[in-house]
Amino acid sequence: TRGTFVVTLSADKASETNMKAVDLLAEQINNHLTGKLSPPAFYMMFPYRDKIIPSTKFYRYNYLGVPKLNNVYTTDYVIEGDTMTLFLTMDESGGQLIYLESYAESAGKRIPLPPVFEFENGYGIAFEHPTHGLIIAGLARQKLVGVVGYKPETMERFVSMWVKGLQM
């Protein structure tokens, strides 16, 4: 990140040649962008404890393959040996949640929302994603927030406290 720009580069295969090309391209882009080197303020909303560094990412379009689930910030965590991804995006109207619910109905297996999650006005969803595991998401102060790869045995307290903290 530099100024108002967030640039994410990736390669289709993690070969040495591809990674050298990505590094070279990143260096060239970085040399041409102006502004202060700092992460977007959204990343301050994620917990620091148990974070996998560096794992912050920004998805401009179609996060998790969900049409119109856009402008999503993510960070990965390890909790008692299990990995998960926390995500958030602005959702002032609830539209992002509606896109996620629609996707869950058509592509996933919707399950009851665990009662430990205190989403704004009870607006939340839980479902099994075909490739990403259990996803729980809901509204928290005009943001859609959630977890990908949720395992209640190890993550319930960590994730529910994060959601509760975002409500304050």
C-alpha atoms as a PDB file:
ATOM      1  CA  THR A   1       0.000   0.000   0.000  1.00  0.00           C
ATOM      2  CA  ARG A   2       1.153   3.501  -0.783  1.00  0.00           C
ATOM      3  CA  GLY A   3      -1.074   6.517  -0.313  1.00  0.00           C
ATOM      4  CA  THR A   4      -4.523   5.697  -1.669  1.00  0.00           C
ATOM      5  CA  PHE A   5      -3.278   2.713  -3.689  1.00  0.00           C
ATOM      6  CA  VAL A   6      -3.493  -0.942  -2.691  1.00  0.00           C
ATOM      7  CA  VAL A   7      -1.676  -3.175  -5.159  1.00  0.00           C
ATOM      8  CA  THR A   8      -1.804  -6.959  -4.894  1.00  0.00           C
ATOM      9  CA  LEU A   9       0.248  -9.068  -7.274  1.00  0.00           C
ATOM     10  CA  SER A  10       0.046 -12.811  -7.697  1.00  0.00           C
ATOM     11  CA  ALA A  11       1.181 -15.530 -10.082  1.00  0.00           C
ATOM     12  CA  ASP A  12      -0.807 -18.524 -11.269  1.00  0.00           C
ATOM     13  CA  LYS A  13       2.039 -20.842 -10.184  1.00  0.00           C
ATOM     14  CA  ALA A  14       4.566 -20.278  -7.393  1.00  0.00           C
ATOM     15  CA  SER A  15       7.638 -21.084  -9.475  1.00  0.00           C
ATOM     16  CA  GLU A  16      10.950 -19.296  -8.937  1.00  0.00           C
ATOM     17  CA  THR A  17      10.658 -17.588 -12.344  1.00  0.00           C
ATOM     18  CA  ASN A  18       7.130 -16.336 -11.651  1.00  0.00           C
ATOM     19  CA  MET A  19       8.049 -15.057  -8.187  1.00  0.00           C
ATOM     20  CA  LYS A  20      11.064 -13.158  -9.578  1.00  0.00           C
ATOM     21  CA  ALA A  21       8.770 -11.565 -12.179  1.00  0.00           C
ATOM     22  CA  VAL A  22       6.244 -10.591  -9.485  1.00  0.00           C
ATOM     23  CA  ASP A  23       9.015  -9.081  -7.327  1.00  0.00           C
ATOM     24  CA  LEU A  24      10.384  -7.099 -10.275  1.00  0.00           C
ATOM     25  CA  LEU A  25       6.924  -5.827 -11.213  1.00  0.00           C
ATOM     26  CA  ALA A  26       6.201  -4.888  -7.582  1.00  0.00           C
ATOM     27  CA  GLU A  27       9.422  -2.914  -7.391  1.00  0.00           C
ATOM     28  CA  GLN A  28       8.608  -1.054 -10.614  1.00  0.00           C
ATOM     29  CA  ILE A  29       5.080  -0.207  -9.456  1.00  0.00           C
ATOM     30  CA  ASN A  30       6.327   0.885  -6.042  1.00  0.00           C
ATOM     31  CA  ASN A  31       8.875   3.233  -7.647  1.00  0.00           C
ATOM     32  CA  HIS A  32       6.140   4.993  -9.638  1.00  0.00           C
ATOM     33  CA  LEU A  33       3.552   5.475  -6.888  1.00  0.00           C
ATOM     34  CA  THR A  34       3.617   8.509  -4.670  1.00  0.00           C
ATOM     35  CA  GLY A  35       2.360   8.879  -1.146  1.00  0.00           C
ATOM     36  CA  LYS A  36       3.134   7.606   2.304  1.00  0.00           C
ATOM     37  CA  LEU A  37       3.830   3.892   2.741  1.00  0.00           C
ATOM     38  CA  SER A  38       1.095   2.780   5.131  1.00  0.00           C
ATOM     39  CA  PRO A  39      -1.722   0.244   5.241  1.00  0.00           C
ATOM     40  CA  PRO A  40      -5.328   1.411   4.803  1.00  0.00           C
ATOM     41  CA  ALA A  41      -7.065   2.314   8.068  1.00  0.00           C
ATOM     42  CA  PHE A  42      -9.396  -0.674   7.664  1.00  0.00           C
ATOM     43  CA  TYR A  43      -6.585  -2.965   8.805  1.00  0.00           C
ATOM     44  CA  MET A  44      -6.650  -1.273  12.228  1.00  0.00           C
ATOM     45  CA  MET A  45     -10.027  -2.984  12.778  1.00  0.00           C
ATOM     46  CA  PHE A  46      -8.456  -6.451  12.727  1.00  0.00           C
ATOM     47  CA  PRO A  47      -6.995  -8.014  15.880  1.00  0.00           C
ATOM     48  CA  TYR A  48      -3.220  -8.131  16.048  1.00  0.00           C
ATOM     49  CA  ARG A  49      -2.944 -11.230  18.237  1.00  0.00           C
ATOM     50  CA  ASP A  50      -2.436 -14.534  16.374  1.00  0.00           C
ATOM     51  CA  LYS A  51      -2.187 -12.743  12.992  1.00  0.00           C
ATOM     52  CA  ILE A  52      -0.196 -14.399  10.219  1.00  0.00           C
ATOM     53  CA  ILE A  53       2.216 -11.692   9.070  1.00  0.00           C
ATOM     54  CA  PRO A  54       2.107 -10.702   6.257  1.00  0.00           C
ATOM     55  CA  SER A  55      -1.301 -11.927   5.197  1.00  0.00           C
ATOM     56  CA  THR A  56      -3.339  -8.775   4.667  1.00  0.00           C
ATOM     57  CA  LYS A  57      -5.067  -8.681   1.292  1.00  0.00           C
ATOM     58  CA  PHE A  58      -7.568  -6.542  -0.557  1.00  0.00           C
ATOM     59  CA  TYR A  59     -10.082  -7.978  -3.026  1.00  0.00           C
ATOM     60  CA  ARG A  60     -11.530  -5.361  -5.342  1.00  0.00           C
ATOM     61  CA  TYR A  61     -14.118  -7.653  -6.940  1.00  0.00           C
ATOM     62  CA  ASN A  62     -15.995 -10.896  -6.203  1.00  0.00           C
ATOM     63  CA  TYR A  63     -14.415 -12.008  -2.922  1.00  0.00           C
ATOM     64  CA  LEU A  64     -14.715 -15.823  -2.522  1.00  0.00           C
ATOM     65  CA  GLY A  65     -16.177 -15.913  -6.031  1.00  0.00           C
ATOM     66  CA  VAL A  66     -19.314 -14.147  -4.784  1.00  0.00           C
ATOM     67  CA  PRO A  67     -20.588 -11.767  -7.472  1.00  0.00           C
ATOM     68  CA  LYS A  68     -20.652  -8.133  -6.277  1.00  0.00           C
ATOM     69  CA  LEU A  69     -18.967  -8.885  -2.941  1.00  0.00           C
ATOM     70  CA  ASN A  70     -16.431  -6.127  -3.572  1.00  0.00           C
ATOM     71  CA  ASN A  71     -13.797  -4.027  -1.776  1.00  0.00           C
ATOM     72  CA  VAL A  72     -13.054  -6.657   0.868  1.00  0.00           C
ATOM     73  CA  TYR A  73     -10.114  -6.462   3.276  1.00  0.00           C
ATOM     74  CA  THR A  74      -8.779  -9.703   4.796  1.00  0.00           C
ATOM     75  CA  THR A  75      -6.215 -10.939   7.314  1.00  0.00           C
ATOM     76  CA  ASP A  76      -5.288 -14.541   8.171  1.00  0.00           C
ATOM     77  CA  TYR A  77      -4.890 -15.992  11.678  1.00  0.00           C
ATOM     78  CA  VAL A  78      -3.706 -19.167  13.399  1.00  0.00           C
ATOM     79  CA  ILE A  79      -5.726 -20.177  16.454  1.00  0.00           C
ATOM     80  CA  GLU A  80      -4.570 -23.337  18.260  1.00  0.00           C
ATOM     81  CA  GLY A  81      -3.093 -24.696  15.025  1.00  0.00           C
ATOM     82  CA  ASP A  82      -6.177 -23.944  12.889  1.00  0.00           C
ATOM     83  CA  THR A  83      -6.085 -21.210  10.242  1.00  0.00           C
ATOM     84  CA  MET A  84      -8.891 -18.827   9.370  1.00  0.00           C
ATOM     85  CA  THR A  85      -9.430 -15.570   7.506  1.00  0.00           C
ATOM     86  CA  LEU A  86     -11.243 -12.567   8.932  1.00  0.00           C
ATOM     87  CA  PHE A  87     -12.771 -10.170   6.409  1.00  0.00           C
ATOM     88  CA  LEU A  88     -14.608  -6.873   6.325  1.00  0.00           C
ATOM     89  CA  THR A  89     -16.054  -4.412   3.847  1.00  0.00           C
ATOM     90  CA  MET A  90     -18.277  -1.359   4.069  1.00  0.00           C
ATOM     91  CA  ASP A  91     -21.964  -2.237   3.858  1.00  0.00           C
ATOM     92  CA  GLU A  92     -24.082   0.793   4.737  1.00  0.00           C
ATOM     93  CA  SER A  93     -27.223  -0.543   3.025  1.00  0.00           C
ATOM     94  CA  GLY A  94     -26.861  -4.269   3.769  1.00  0.00           C
ATOM     95  CA  GLY A  95     -26.428  -4.992   0.046  1.00  0.00           C
ATOM     96  CA  GLN A  96     -23.151  -6.881   0.466  1.00  0.00           C
ATOM     97  CA  LEU A  97     -24.832  -9.204   2.994  1.00  0.00           C
ATOM     98  CA  ILE A  98     -27.684  -9.772   0.526  1.00  0.00           C
ATOM     99  CA  TYR A  99     -25.175 -10.772  -2.189  1.00  0.00           C
ATOM    100  CA  LEU A 100     -23.543 -13.208   0.230  1.00  0.00           C
ATOM    101  CA  GLU A 101     -26.908 -14.668   1.282  1.00  0.00           C
ATOM    102  CA  SER A 102     -27.926 -15.125  -2.344  1.00  0.00           C
ATOM    103  CA  TYR A 103     -24.655 -16.916  -3.063  1.00  0.00           C
ATOM    104  CA  ALA A 104     -25.086 -19.134   0.006  1.00  0.00           C
ATOM    105  CA  GLU A 105     -28.557 -20.173  -1.137  1.00  0.00           C
ATOM    106  CA  SER A 106     -27.362 -21.143  -4.614  1.00  0.00           C
ATOM    107  CA  ALA A 107     -23.856 -22.529  -4.020  1.00  0.00           C
ATOM    108  CA  GLY A 108     -23.490 -23.423  -0.393  1.00  0.00           C
ATOM    109  CA  LYS A 109     -25.266 -25.207   2.383  1.00  0.00           C
ATOM    110  CA  ARG A 110     -26.834 -22.710   4.739  1.00  0.00           C
ATOM    111  CA  ILE A 111     -26.780 -23.618   8.433  1.00  0.00           C
ATOM    112  CA  PRO A 112     -28.155 -21.926  11.560  1.00  0.00           C
ATOM    113  CA  LEU A 113     -26.136 -18.954  12.778  1.00  0.00           C
ATOM    114  CA  PRO A 114     -24.409 -19.772  16.083  1.00  0.00           C
ATOM    115  CA  PRO A 115     -26.092 -17.711  18.845  1.00  0.00           C
ATOM    116  CA  VAL A 116     -22.719 -16.493  20.192  1.00  0.00           C
ATOM    117  CA  PHE A 117     -22.438 -14.049  17.263  1.00  0.00           C
ATOM    118  CA  GLU A 118     -24.050 -10.705  18.031  1.00  0.00           C
ATOM    119  CA  PHE A 119     -24.440  -9.153  14.612  1.00  0.00           C
ATOM    120  CA  GLU A 120     -26.255  -5.833  14.232  1.00  0.00           C
ATOM    121  CA  ASN A 121     -30.021  -6.414  14.523  1.00  0.00           C
ATOM    122  CA  GLY A 122     -29.376 -10.164  14.132  1.00  0.00           C
ATOM    123  CA  TYR A 123     -28.427  -9.787  10.449  1.00  0.00           C
ATOM    124  CA  GLY A 124     -26.005 -12.637   9.843  1.00  0.00           C
ATOM    125  CA  ILE A 125     -25.483 -15.842   7.910  1.00  0.00           C
ATOM    126  CA  ALA A 126     -23.623 -19.132   8.301  1.00  0.00           C
ATOM    127  CA  PHE A 127     -23.009 -21.598   5.490  1.00  0.00           C
ATOM    128  CA  GLU A 128     -20.654 -24.254   4.187  1.00  0.00           C
ATOM    129  CA  HIS A 129     -18.730 -22.981   1.175  1.00  0.00           C
ATOM    130  CA  PRO A 130     -17.829 -25.738  -1.318  1.00  0.00           C
ATOM    131  CA  THR A 131     -14.077 -24.967  -1.148  1.00  0.00           C
ATOM    132  CA  HIS A 132     -13.506 -22.543   1.754  1.00  0.00           C
ATOM    133  CA  GLY A 133     -15.258 -24.362   4.606  1.00  0.00           C
ATOM    134  CA  LEU A 134     -17.593 -22.787   7.122  1.00  0.00           C
ATOM    135  CA  ILE A 135     -18.250 -19.073   6.604  1.00  0.00           C
ATOM    136  CA  ILE A 136     -19.981 -16.860   9.134  1.00  0.00           C
ATOM    137  CA  ALA A 137     -20.720 -13.225   8.364  1.00  0.00           C
ATOM    138  CA  GLY A 138     -22.999 -10.406   9.395  1.00  0.00           C
ATOM    139  CA  LEU A 139     -23.439  -6.696   9.865  1.00  0.00           C
ATOM    140  CA  ALA A 140     -21.485  -4.660  12.407  1.00  0.00           C
ATOM    141  CA  ARG A 141     -21.884  -0.864  12.361  1.00  0.00           C
ATOM    142  CA  GLN A 142     -22.378  -0.498   8.602  1.00  0.00           C
ATOM    143  CA  LYS A 143     -19.767  -3.104   7.736  1.00  0.00           C
ATOM    144  CA  LEU A 144     -20.069  -6.694   6.573  1.00  0.00           C
ATOM    145  CA  VAL A 145     -17.659  -8.695   8.733  1.00  0.00           C
ATOM    146  CA  GLY A 146     -16.965 -12.379   8.835  1.00  0.00           C
ATOM    147  CA  VAL A 147     -14.729 -15.389   9.074  1.00  0.00           C
ATOM    148  CA  VAL A 148     -13.751 -17.971   6.459  1.00  0.00           C
ATOM    149  CA  GLY A 149     -12.697 -21.455   7.585  1.00  0.00           C
ATOM    150  CA  TYR A 150     -14.427 -21.157  10.957  1.00  0.00           C
ATOM    151  CA  LYS A 151     -14.016 -23.993  13.472  1.00  0.00           C
ATOM    152  CA  PRO A 152     -16.146 -23.435  16.587  1.00  0.00           C
ATOM    153  CA  GLU A 153     -13.986 -25.585  18.863  1.00  0.00           C
ATOM    154  CA  THR A 154     -10.944 -23.298  18.549  1.00  0.00           C
ATOM    155  CA  MET A 155     -12.196 -20.009  17.115  1.00  0.00           C
ATOM    156  CA  GLU A 156     -15.557 -19.216  18.722  1.00  0.00           C
ATOM    157  CA  ARG A 157     -14.269 -16.925  21.476  1.00  0.00           C
ATOM    158  CA  PHE A 158     -11.722 -15.104  19.283  1.00  0.00           C
ATOM    159  CA  VAL A 159     -14.129 -14.376  16.419  1.00  0.00           C
ATOM    160  CA  SER A 160     -17.192 -13.580  18.538  1.00  0.00           C
ATOM    161  CA  MET A 161     -15.184 -11.101  20.632  1.00  0.00           C
ATOM    162  CA  TRP A 162     -13.909  -9.414  17.455  1.00  0.00           C
ATOM    163  CA  VAL A 163     -17.464  -9.042  16.150  1.00  0.00           C
ATOM    164  CA  LYS A 164     -18.648  -7.743  19.521  1.00  0.00           C
ATOM    165  CA  GLY A 165     -15.777  -5.232  19.617  1.00  0.00           C
ATOM    166  CA  LEU A 166     -16.698  -3.900  16.186  1.00  0.00           C
ATOM    167  CA  GLN A 167     -20.229  -3.180  17.478  1.00  0.00           C
ATOM    168  CA  MET A 168     -18.962  -0.740  20.118  1.00  0.00           C
END
